[in-house]
C-alpha atoms as a PDB file:
ATOM      1  CA  MET A   1      99.460 144.335  86.625  1.00  0.00           C
ATOM      2  CA  ASN A   2     100.867 146.604  83.984  1.00  0.00           C
ATOM      3  CA  LEU A   3      98.991 149.767  82.990  1.00  0.00           C
ATOM      4  CA  ASP A   4      98.300 148.478  79.475  1.00  0.00           C
ATOM      5  CA  GLN A   5      96.521 145.425  80.989  1.00  0.00           C
ATOM      6  CA  LYS A   6      94.607 147.503  83.428  1.00  0.00           C
ATOM      7  CA  ILE A   7      93.231 149.654  80.709  1.00  0.00           C
ATOM      8  CA  SER A   8      92.481 146.851  78.288  1.00  0.00           C
ATOM      9  CA  ASP A   9      90.689 144.878  81.114  1.00  0.00           C
ATOM     10  CA  TRP A  10      88.680 148.038  81.883  1.00  0.00           C
ATOM     11  CA  LEU A  11      87.743 148.388  78.243  1.00  0.00           C
ATOM     12  CA  LYS A  12      86.709 144.744  77.969  1.00  0.00           C
ATOM     13  CA  ASN A  13      84.624 144.838  81.117  1.00  0.00           C
ATOM     14  CA  TYR A  14      82.786 147.890  79.964  1.00  0.00           C
ATOM     15  CA  LEU A  15      81.991 146.371  76.556  1.00  0.00           C
ATOM     16  CA  THR A  16      80.815 143.121  78.181  1.00  0.00           C
ATOM     17  CA  SER A  17      78.725 144.726  80.919  1.00  0.00           C
ATOM     18  CA  ASN A  18      76.931 146.820  78.385  1.00  0.00           C
ATOM     19  CA  LYS A  19      76.344 143.809  76.088  1.00  0.00           C
ATOM     20  CA  LEU A  20      78.087 145.350  73.148  1.00  0.00           C
ATOM     21  CA  ASP A  21      80.234 143.655  70.530  1.00  0.00           C
ATOM     22  CA  SER A  22      82.955 145.976  69.305  1.00  0.00           C
ATOM     23  CA  PHE A  23      85.301 148.921  69.706  1.00  0.00           C
ATOM     24  CA  ILE A  24      85.303 151.590  66.953  1.00  0.00           C
ATOM     25  CA  ILE A  25      88.305 153.877  66.749  1.00  0.00           C
ATOM     26  CA  GLY A  26      89.405 156.608  64.272  1.00  0.00           C
ATOM     27  CA  VAL A  27      93.039 156.216  63.518  1.00  0.00           C
ATOM     28  CA  SER A  28      94.906 159.310  62.379  1.00  0.00           C
ATOM     29  CA  GLY A  29      98.553 158.364  62.350  1.00  0.00           C
ATOM     30  CA  GLY A  30      99.066 160.075  65.620  1.00  0.00           C
ATOM     31  CA  ILE A  31     100.319 158.474  68.958  1.00  0.00           C
ATOM     32  CA  ASP A  32      97.015 158.930  70.864  1.00  0.00           C
ATOM     33  CA  SER A  33      94.969 156.896  68.416  1.00  0.00           C
ATOM     34  CA  ALA A  34      97.809 154.361  67.904  1.00  0.00           C
ATOM     35  CA  VAL A  35      97.940 153.698  71.668  1.00  0.00           C
ATOM     36  CA  THR A  36      94.213 153.620  72.050  1.00  0.00           C
ATOM     37  CA  SER A  37      93.561 151.240  69.173  1.00  0.00           C
ATOM     38  CA  THR A  38      96.358 148.941  70.447  1.00  0.00           C
ATOM     39  CA  LEU A  39      94.848 148.921  73.905  1.00  0.00           C
ATOM     40  CA  CYS A  40      91.505 147.876  72.415  1.00  0.00           C
ATOM     41  CA  ALA A  41      93.113 145.165  70.334  1.00  0.00           C
ATOM     42  CA  LEU A  42      94.638 143.714  73.513  1.00  0.00           C
ATOM     43  CA  THR A  43      91.125 143.037  74.837  1.00  0.00           C
ATOM     44  CA  ASN A  44      90.737 140.235  72.070  1.00  0.00           C
ATOM     45  CA  LYS A  45      87.341 141.674  71.376  1.00  0.00           C
ATOM     46  CA  PRO A  46      86.432 142.892  67.816  1.00  0.00           C
ATOM     47  CA  VAL A  47      88.116 146.250  67.095  1.00  0.00           C
ATOM     48  CA  ILE A  48      87.211 148.258  63.972  1.00  0.00           C
ATOM     49  CA  VAL A  49      89.832 150.921  63.101  1.00  0.00           C
ATOM     50  CA  VAL A  50      88.657 153.618  60.788  1.00  0.00           C
ATOM     51  CA  SER A  51      90.759 155.946  58.580  1.00  0.00           C
ATOM     52  CA  MET A  52      88.843 158.982  57.427  1.00  0.00           C
ATOM     53  CA  PRO A  53      91.093 161.247  55.334  1.00  0.00           C
ATOM     54  CA  ILE A  54      89.888 164.719  54.364  1.00  0.00           C
ATOM     55  CA  ASN A  55      92.474 166.340  52.033  1.00  0.00           C
ATOM     56  CA  GLN A  56      94.945 164.627  54.412  1.00  0.00           C
ATOM     57  CA  ALA A  57      98.706 165.165  54.374  1.00  0.00           C
ATOM     58  CA  SER A  58     100.230 162.123  52.792  1.00  0.00           C
ATOM     59  CA  ASN A  59     102.650 161.528  55.670  1.00  0.00           C
ATOM     60  CA  GLN A  60      99.862 161.425  58.184  1.00  0.00           C
ATOM     61  CA  LEU A  61      97.848 159.016  56.085  1.00  0.00           C
ATOM     62  CA  GLN A  62     100.904 156.807  55.581  1.00  0.00           C
ATOM     63  CA  ARG A  63     101.602 156.628  59.287  1.00  0.00           C
ATOM     64  CA  ALA A  64      97.951 155.612  59.938  1.00  0.00           C
ATOM     65  CA  HIS A  65      98.197 152.808  57.211  1.00  0.00           C
ATOM     66  CA  ASN A  66     101.528 151.622  58.650  1.00  0.00           C
ATOM     67  CA  HIS A  67     100.043 151.415  62.163  1.00  0.00           C
ATOM     68  CA  ILE A  68      96.901 149.620  60.928  1.00  0.00           C
ATOM     69  CA  ASN A  69      99.110 147.117  59.034  1.00  0.00           C
ATOM     70  CA  TRP A  70     100.985 146.411  62.167  1.00  0.00           C
ATOM     71  CA  LEU A  71      97.772 146.023  64.197  1.00  0.00           C
ATOM     72  CA  GLN A  72      96.396 143.474  61.709  1.00  0.00           C
ATOM     73  CA  THR A  73      99.621 141.642  61.704  1.00  0.00           C
ATOM     74  CA  SER A  74      99.852 141.481  65.427  1.00  0.00           C
ATOM     75  CA  PHE A  75      96.159 140.831  66.279  1.00  0.00           C
ATOM     76  CA  THR A  76      93.546 138.709  64.632  1.00  0.00           C
ATOM     77  CA  ASN A  77      90.593 140.791  65.997  1.00  0.00           C
ATOM     78  CA  VAL A  78      91.201 144.012  64.054  1.00  0.00           C
ATOM     79  CA  LEU A  79      89.160 145.056  61.054  1.00  0.00           C
ATOM     80  CA  PHE A  80      90.237 148.074  58.934  1.00  0.00           C
ATOM     81  CA  LEU A  81      87.780 150.379  57.165  1.00  0.00           C
ATOM     82  CA  GLU A  82      88.627 153.580  55.230  1.00  0.00           C
ATOM     83  CA  TYR A  83      86.160 156.295  54.186  1.00  0.00           C
ATOM     84  CA  ASP A  84      87.610 159.071  52.138  1.00  0.00           C
ATOM     85  CA  LEU A  85      85.465 162.090  53.382  1.00  0.00           C
ATOM     86  CA  THR A  86      87.069 164.666  51.150  1.00  0.00           C
ATOM     87  CA  LEU A  87      84.135 164.867  48.724  1.00  0.00           C
ATOM     88  CA  THR A  88      81.677 164.903  51.570  1.00  0.00           C
ATOM     89  CA  PHE A  89      83.500 167.745  53.300  1.00  0.00           C
ATOM     90  CA  GLU A  90      83.857 169.711  50.059  1.00  0.00           C
ATOM     91  CA  THR A  91      80.169 169.394  49.378  1.00  0.00           C
ATOM     92  CA  PHE A  92      79.389 170.542  52.892  1.00  0.00           C
ATOM     93  CA  LYS A  93      81.822 173.400  52.636  1.00  0.00           C
ATOM     94  CA  SER A  94      80.299 174.525  49.366  1.00  0.00           C
ATOM     95  CA  LEU A  95      77.018 175.329  51.189  1.00  0.00           C
ATOM     96  CA  PHE A  96      78.605 178.092  53.127  1.00  0.00           C
ATOM     97  CA  LEU A  97      80.338 181.241  52.055  1.00  0.00           C
ATOM     98  CA  THR A  98      82.876 181.414  54.736  1.00  0.00           C
ATOM     99  CA  ASP A  99      86.573 182.019  55.291  1.00  0.00           C
ATOM    100  CA  ASN A 100      86.444 180.866  58.980  1.00  0.00           C
ATOM    101  CA  LEU A 101      89.141 178.160  58.831  1.00  0.00           C
ATOM    102  CA  LEU A 102      88.629 177.093  62.471  1.00  0.00           C
ATOM    103  CA  SER A 103      84.885 176.431  61.894  1.00  0.00           C
ATOM    104  CA  LEU A 104      85.726 174.298  58.857  1.00  0.00           C
ATOM    105  CA  ALA A 105      88.403 172.406  60.749  1.00  0.00           C
ATOM    106  CA  ASN A 106      85.821 171.666  63.431  1.00  0.00           C
ATOM    107  CA  SER A 107      83.382 170.531  60.761  1.00  0.00           C
ATOM    108  CA  ARG A 108      85.939 167.962  59.586  1.00  0.00           C
ATOM    109  CA  ALA A 109      86.056 166.572  63.141  1.00  0.00           C
ATOM    110  CA  ARG A 110      82.237 166.447  63.307  1.00  0.00           C
ATOM    111  CA  LEU A 111      82.015 164.581  60.002  1.00  0.00           C
ATOM    112  CA  ARG A 112      84.440 162.044  61.261  1.00  0.00           C
ATOM    113  CA  MET A 113      82.508 161.604  64.538  1.00  0.00           C
ATOM    114  CA  THR A 114      79.245 161.037  62.505  1.00  0.00           C
ATOM    115  CA  THR A 115      81.080 158.424  60.465  1.00  0.00           C
ATOM    116  CA  LEU A 116      82.323 156.543  63.554  1.00  0.00           C
ATOM    117  CA  TYR A 117      78.840 156.545  65.067  1.00  0.00           C
ATOM    118  CA  GLN A 118      77.490 155.124  61.807  1.00  0.00           C
ATOM    119  CA  VAL A 119      80.054 152.383  61.932  1.00  0.00           C
ATOM    120  CA  ALA A 120      79.293 151.783  65.582  1.00  0.00           C
ATOM    121  CA  ALA A 121      75.532 151.484  64.958  1.00  0.00           C
ATOM    122  CA  GLU A 122      76.056 148.868  62.331  1.00  0.00           C
ATOM    123  CA  ASN A 123      78.423 146.853  64.456  1.00  0.00           C
ATOM    124  CA  LYS A 124      76.884 147.073  67.851  1.00  0.00           C
ATOM    125  CA  GLY A 125      79.898 149.074  68.941  1.00  0.00           C
ATOM    126  CA  ILE A 126      81.056 151.944  71.020  1.00  0.00           C
ATOM    127  CA  VAL A 127      83.203 154.785  69.844  1.00  0.00           C
ATOM    128  CA  VAL A 128      86.490 154.998  71.698  1.00  0.00           C
ATOM    129  CA  GLY A 129      87.985 158.399  72.509  1.00  0.00           C
ATOM    130  CA  THR A 130      91.640 159.181  71.923  1.00  0.00           C
ATOM    131  CA  GLY A 131      92.075 162.364  73.898  1.00  0.00           C
ATOM    132  CA  ASN A 132      94.689 162.624  76.562  1.00  0.00           C
ATOM    133  CA  LYS A 133      94.508 164.410  79.922  1.00  0.00           C
ATOM    134  CA  VAL A 134      96.025 167.752  78.833  1.00  0.00           C
ATOM    135  CA  GLU A 135      93.721 167.922  75.770  1.00  0.00           C
ATOM    136  CA  ASP A 136      90.577 166.767  77.525  1.00  0.00           C
ATOM    137  CA  PHE A 137      90.972 168.524  80.987  1.00  0.00           C
ATOM    138  CA  GLY A 138      93.765 171.002  80.594  1.00  0.00           C
ATOM    139  CA  VAL A 139      93.484 173.140  77.513  1.00  0.00           C
ATOM    140  CA  GLY A 140      90.339 171.782  75.945  1.00  0.00           C
ATOM    141  CA  PHE A 141      92.131 171.004  72.713  1.00  0.00           C
ATOM    142  CA  PHE A 142      89.367 169.060  70.858  1.00  0.00           C
ATOM    143  CA  THR A 143      86.298 169.696  68.914  1.00  0.00           C
ATOM    144  CA  LYS A 144      83.089 169.718  70.800  1.00  0.00           C
ATOM    145  CA  TYR A 145      80.875 166.976  69.352  1.00  0.00           C
ATOM    146  CA  GLY A 146      83.810 166.108  67.153  1.00  0.00           C
ATOM    147  CA  ASP A 147      86.668 164.115  68.497  1.00  0.00           C
ATOM    148  CA  GLY A 148      85.159 165.027  71.901  1.00  0.00           C
ATOM    149  CA  GLY A 149      82.003 163.002  70.965  1.00  0.00           C
ATOM    150  CA  VAL A 150      82.813 159.531  72.244  1.00  0.00           C
ATOM    151  CA  ASP A 151      81.399 156.787  74.487  1.00  0.00           C
ATOM    152  CA  ILE A 152      84.481 155.888  76.425  1.00  0.00           C
ATOM    153  CA  SER A 153      87.937 157.541  77.089  1.00  0.00           C
ATOM    154  CA  PRO A 154      90.673 155.011  77.952  1.00  0.00           C
ATOM    155  CA  ILE A 155      93.643 157.518  78.023  1.00  0.00           C
ATOM    156  CA  ALA A 156      91.987 160.664  79.255  1.00  0.00           C
ATOM    157  CA  ASP A 157      93.778 160.399  82.655  1.00  0.00           C
ATOM    158  CA  LEU A 158      97.197 159.993  80.996  1.00  0.00           C
ATOM    159  CA  THR A 159      99.482 162.942  80.131  1.00  0.00           C
ATOM    160  CA  LYS A 160     101.179 162.999  76.671  1.00  0.00           C
ATOM    161  CA  THR A 161     104.361 161.955  78.361  1.00  0.00           C
ATOM    162  CA  GLU A 162     102.630 158.909  79.841  1.00  0.00           C
ATOM    163  CA  VAL A 163     100.998 158.141  76.522  1.00  0.00           C
ATOM    164  CA  ARG A 164     104.500 158.145  74.925  1.00  0.00           C
ATOM    165  CA  GLN A 165     105.867 155.863  77.476  1.00  0.00           C
ATOM    166  CA  LEU A 166     102.964 153.453  77.258  1.00  0.00           C
ATOM    167  CA  ALA A 167     103.284 153.502  73.392  1.00  0.00           C
ATOM    168  CA  LYS A 168     106.837 152.282  73.666  1.00  0.00           C
ATOM    169  CA  GLU A 169     105.856 149.546  76.092  1.00  0.00           C
ATOM    170  CA  ILE A 170     103.091 148.071  73.812  1.00  0.00           C
ATOM    171  CA  GLY A 171     105.066 148.196  70.670  1.00  0.00           C
ATOM    172  CA  VAL A 172     103.758 151.336  68.816  1.00  0.00           C
ATOM    173  CA  SER A 173     106.368 152.209  66.080  1.00  0.00           C
ATOM    174  CA  ASN A 174     109.025 154.789  66.610  1.00  0.00           C
ATOM    175  CA  GLU A 175     107.699 156.560  63.503  1.00  0.00           C
ATOM    176  CA  ILE A 176     104.471 157.375  65.385  1.00  0.00           C
ATOM    177  CA  VAL A 177     106.137 157.963  68.861  1.00  0.00           C
ATOM    178  CA  GLN A 178     108.560 160.493  67.352  1.00  0.00           C
ATOM    179  CA  ALA A 179     106.056 162.256  65.083  1.00  0.00           C
ATOM    180  CA  PRO A 180     105.102 165.862  66.134  1.00  0.00           C
ATOM    181  CA  PRO A 181     101.511 165.762  67.487  1.00  0.00           C
ATOM    182  CA  THR A 182      98.952 167.140  65.070  1.00  0.00           C
ATOM    183  CA  ASP A 183      95.203 167.130  64.934  1.00  0.00           C
ATOM    184  CA  GLY A 184      95.163 166.732  61.158  1.00  0.00           C
ATOM    185  CA  LEU A 185      92.264 169.034  60.657  1.00  0.00           C
ATOM    186  CA  TRP A 186      93.827 171.721  58.410  1.00  0.00           C
ATOM    187  CA  GLY A 187      94.996 169.770  55.313  1.00  0.00           C
ATOM    188  CA  ASP A 188      98.600 170.587  56.077  1.00  0.00           C
ATOM    189  CA  ASP A 189     101.395 169.730  58.547  1.00  0.00           C
ATOM    190  CA  ARG A 190     100.769 172.257  61.305  1.00  0.00           C
ATOM    191  CA  THR A 191     101.417 170.702  64.652  1.00  0.00           C
ATOM    192  CA  ASP A 192      99.454 170.975  67.968  1.00  0.00           C
ATOM    193  CA  GLU A 193     102.344 173.119  69.297  1.00  0.00           C
ATOM    194  CA  ASP A 194     102.018 175.499  66.314  1.00  0.00           C
ATOM    195  CA  GLN A 195      98.374 176.013  67.174  1.00  0.00           C
ATOM    196  CA  ILE A 196      98.640 176.103  70.990  1.00  0.00           C
ATOM    197  CA  GLY A 197     101.869 177.988  71.285  1.00  0.00           C
ATOM    198  CA  ALA A 198     103.353 175.472  73.789  1.00  0.00           C
ATOM    199  CA  SER A 199     104.614 171.882  73.771  1.00  0.00           C
ATOM    200  CA  TYR A 200     102.714 169.136  75.694  1.00  0.00           C
ATOM    201  CA  GLU A 201     105.658 168.850  78.118  1.00  0.00           C
ATOM    202  CA  GLU A 202     105.252 172.587  78.906  1.00  0.00           C
ATOM    203  CA  LEU A 203     101.565 172.289  79.238  1.00  0.00           C
ATOM    204  CA  GLU A 204     101.888 169.395  81.642  1.00  0.00           C
ATOM    205  CA  TRP A 205     104.172 171.549  83.746  1.00  0.00           C
ATOM    206  CA  ALA A 206     101.650 174.408  83.694  1.00  0.00           C
ATOM    207  CA  MET A 207      98.736 172.047  84.539  1.00  0.00           C
ATOM    208  CA  ASP A 208     100.557 170.968  87.681  1.00  0.00           C
ATOM    209  CA  TYR A 209     101.964 174.335  88.748  1.00  0.00           C
ATOM    210  CA  LYS A 210     100.344 175.445  91.994  1.00  0.00           C
ATOM    211  CA  GLY A 211     102.585 178.361  92.843  1.00  0.00           C
ATOM    212  CA  ASN A 212     102.241 182.149  92.469  1.00  0.00           C
ATOM    213  CA  PRO A 213     102.274 183.118  88.860  1.00  0.00           C
ATOM    214  CA  ASN A 214     103.902 186.395  89.835  1.00  0.00           C
ATOM    215  CA  ASN A 215     107.001 184.377  90.714  1.00  0.00           C
ATOM    216  CA  LEU A 216     107.313 183.240  87.148  1.00  0.00           C
ATOM    217  CA  PHE A 217     109.355 184.955  84.426  1.00  0.00           C
ATOM    218  CA  GLY A 218     110.160 184.517  80.689  1.00  0.00           C
ATOM    219  CA  ARG A 219     109.119 181.354  79.016  1.00  0.00           C
ATOM    220  CA  GLU A 220     107.628 179.837  82.152  1.00  0.00           C
ATOM    221  CA  GLN A 221     105.282 182.785  82.639  1.00  0.00           C
ATOM    222  CA  GLU A 222     104.363 182.755  78.985  1.00  0.00           C
ATOM    223  CA  VAL A 223     103.418 179.026  79.071  1.00  0.00           C
ATOM    224  CA  TYR A 224     101.563 179.484  82.280  1.00  0.00           C
ATOM    225  CA  TYR A 225      99.271 182.077  80.796  1.00  0.00           C
ATOM    226  CA  ILE A 226      98.889 180.121  77.580  1.00  0.00           C
ATOM    227  CA  TYR A 227      97.650 177.243  79.608  1.00  0.00           C
ATOM    228  CA  GLN A 228      95.385 179.363  81.839  1.00  0.00           C
ATOM    229  CA  ASN A 229      93.846 181.357  78.987  1.00  0.00           C
ATOM    230  CA  ARG A 230      92.980 178.186  76.980  1.00  0.00           C
ATOM    231  CA  HIS A 231      91.700 176.404  80.227  1.00  0.00           C
ATOM    232  CA  LYS A 232      89.321 179.311  80.923  1.00  0.00           C
ATOM    233  CA  ALA A 233      88.230 179.795  77.304  1.00  0.00           C
ATOM    234  CA  ASN A 234      87.471 176.131  76.862  1.00  0.00           C
ATOM    235  CA  GLN A 235      85.458 175.478  79.981  1.00  0.00           C
ATOM    236  CA  HIS A 236      82.301 175.108  77.852  1.00  0.00           C
ATOM    237  CA  LYS A 237      83.837 171.884  76.435  1.00  0.00           C
ATOM    238  CA  MET A 238      84.978 170.437  79.700  1.00  0.00           C
ATOM    239  CA  LEU A 239      81.995 171.138  81.960  1.00  0.00           C
ATOM    240  CA  PRO A 240      78.500 169.635  81.643  1.00  0.00           C
ATOM    241  CA  ILE A 241      75.999 171.447  79.479  1.00  0.00           C
ATOM    242  CA  PRO A 242      74.180 174.112  81.429  1.00  0.00           C
ATOM    243  CA  ILE A 243      70.597 173.206  82.231  1.00  0.00           C
ATOM    244  CA  PHE A 244      67.878 175.583  83.354  1.00  0.00           C
ATOM    245  CA  LYS A 245      66.270 174.358  86.461  1.00  0.00           C
ATOM    246  CA  GLN A 246      62.674 175.131  87.307  1.00  0.00           C
ATOM    247  CA  GLN A 247      62.249 176.563  90.725  1.00  0.00           C
END
């Protein structure tokens, strides 16, 4: 059985066993959400794909629309909703006198999470995560209670390289496969690599490296410490919430 079929069967079985009706996925124009939404569509269960622009770069929004059009042409079980959250975000932002751009970027992700759960509540659905292995368990490159706030994670055990390969196999467009990865939280075209300082291919290498870091030099050493520093700093996202235990 192919990987796409294994994942779609797993998704379908989870939905059915929990007596739920639909999958809810935020679609950004990136490869992870494109692959995830396609895998959900392959279940033949109702899929609601949601676009949630917030001052979004036009090329990102266009890629999302192109993918959604392809999904709806290819599958009869896909419904498209769009909620422009720009005004909601700007109203929220006006309540705070802050120049902390990272906190505002995370607030965008949390507004989107809230929207997806509203849609899920109205459609007896589950929110499907789009994080890959490097993001979710390597460098913690996601917003806590934002894009990290999901019910099920079908590609969280796949590296970015594996996601790209799967995308090609299930028919995701080259436009999306070849687009530089971006979280779309800044209102511009900055990429994940711009923010992290390393490509996903480099991070995959660092995630698998088990040797002595003292034997590394140049770019390999730089990438190794980029990975290690982010992995340590973001443990609070990747580990269970600490709970005080009564003695």
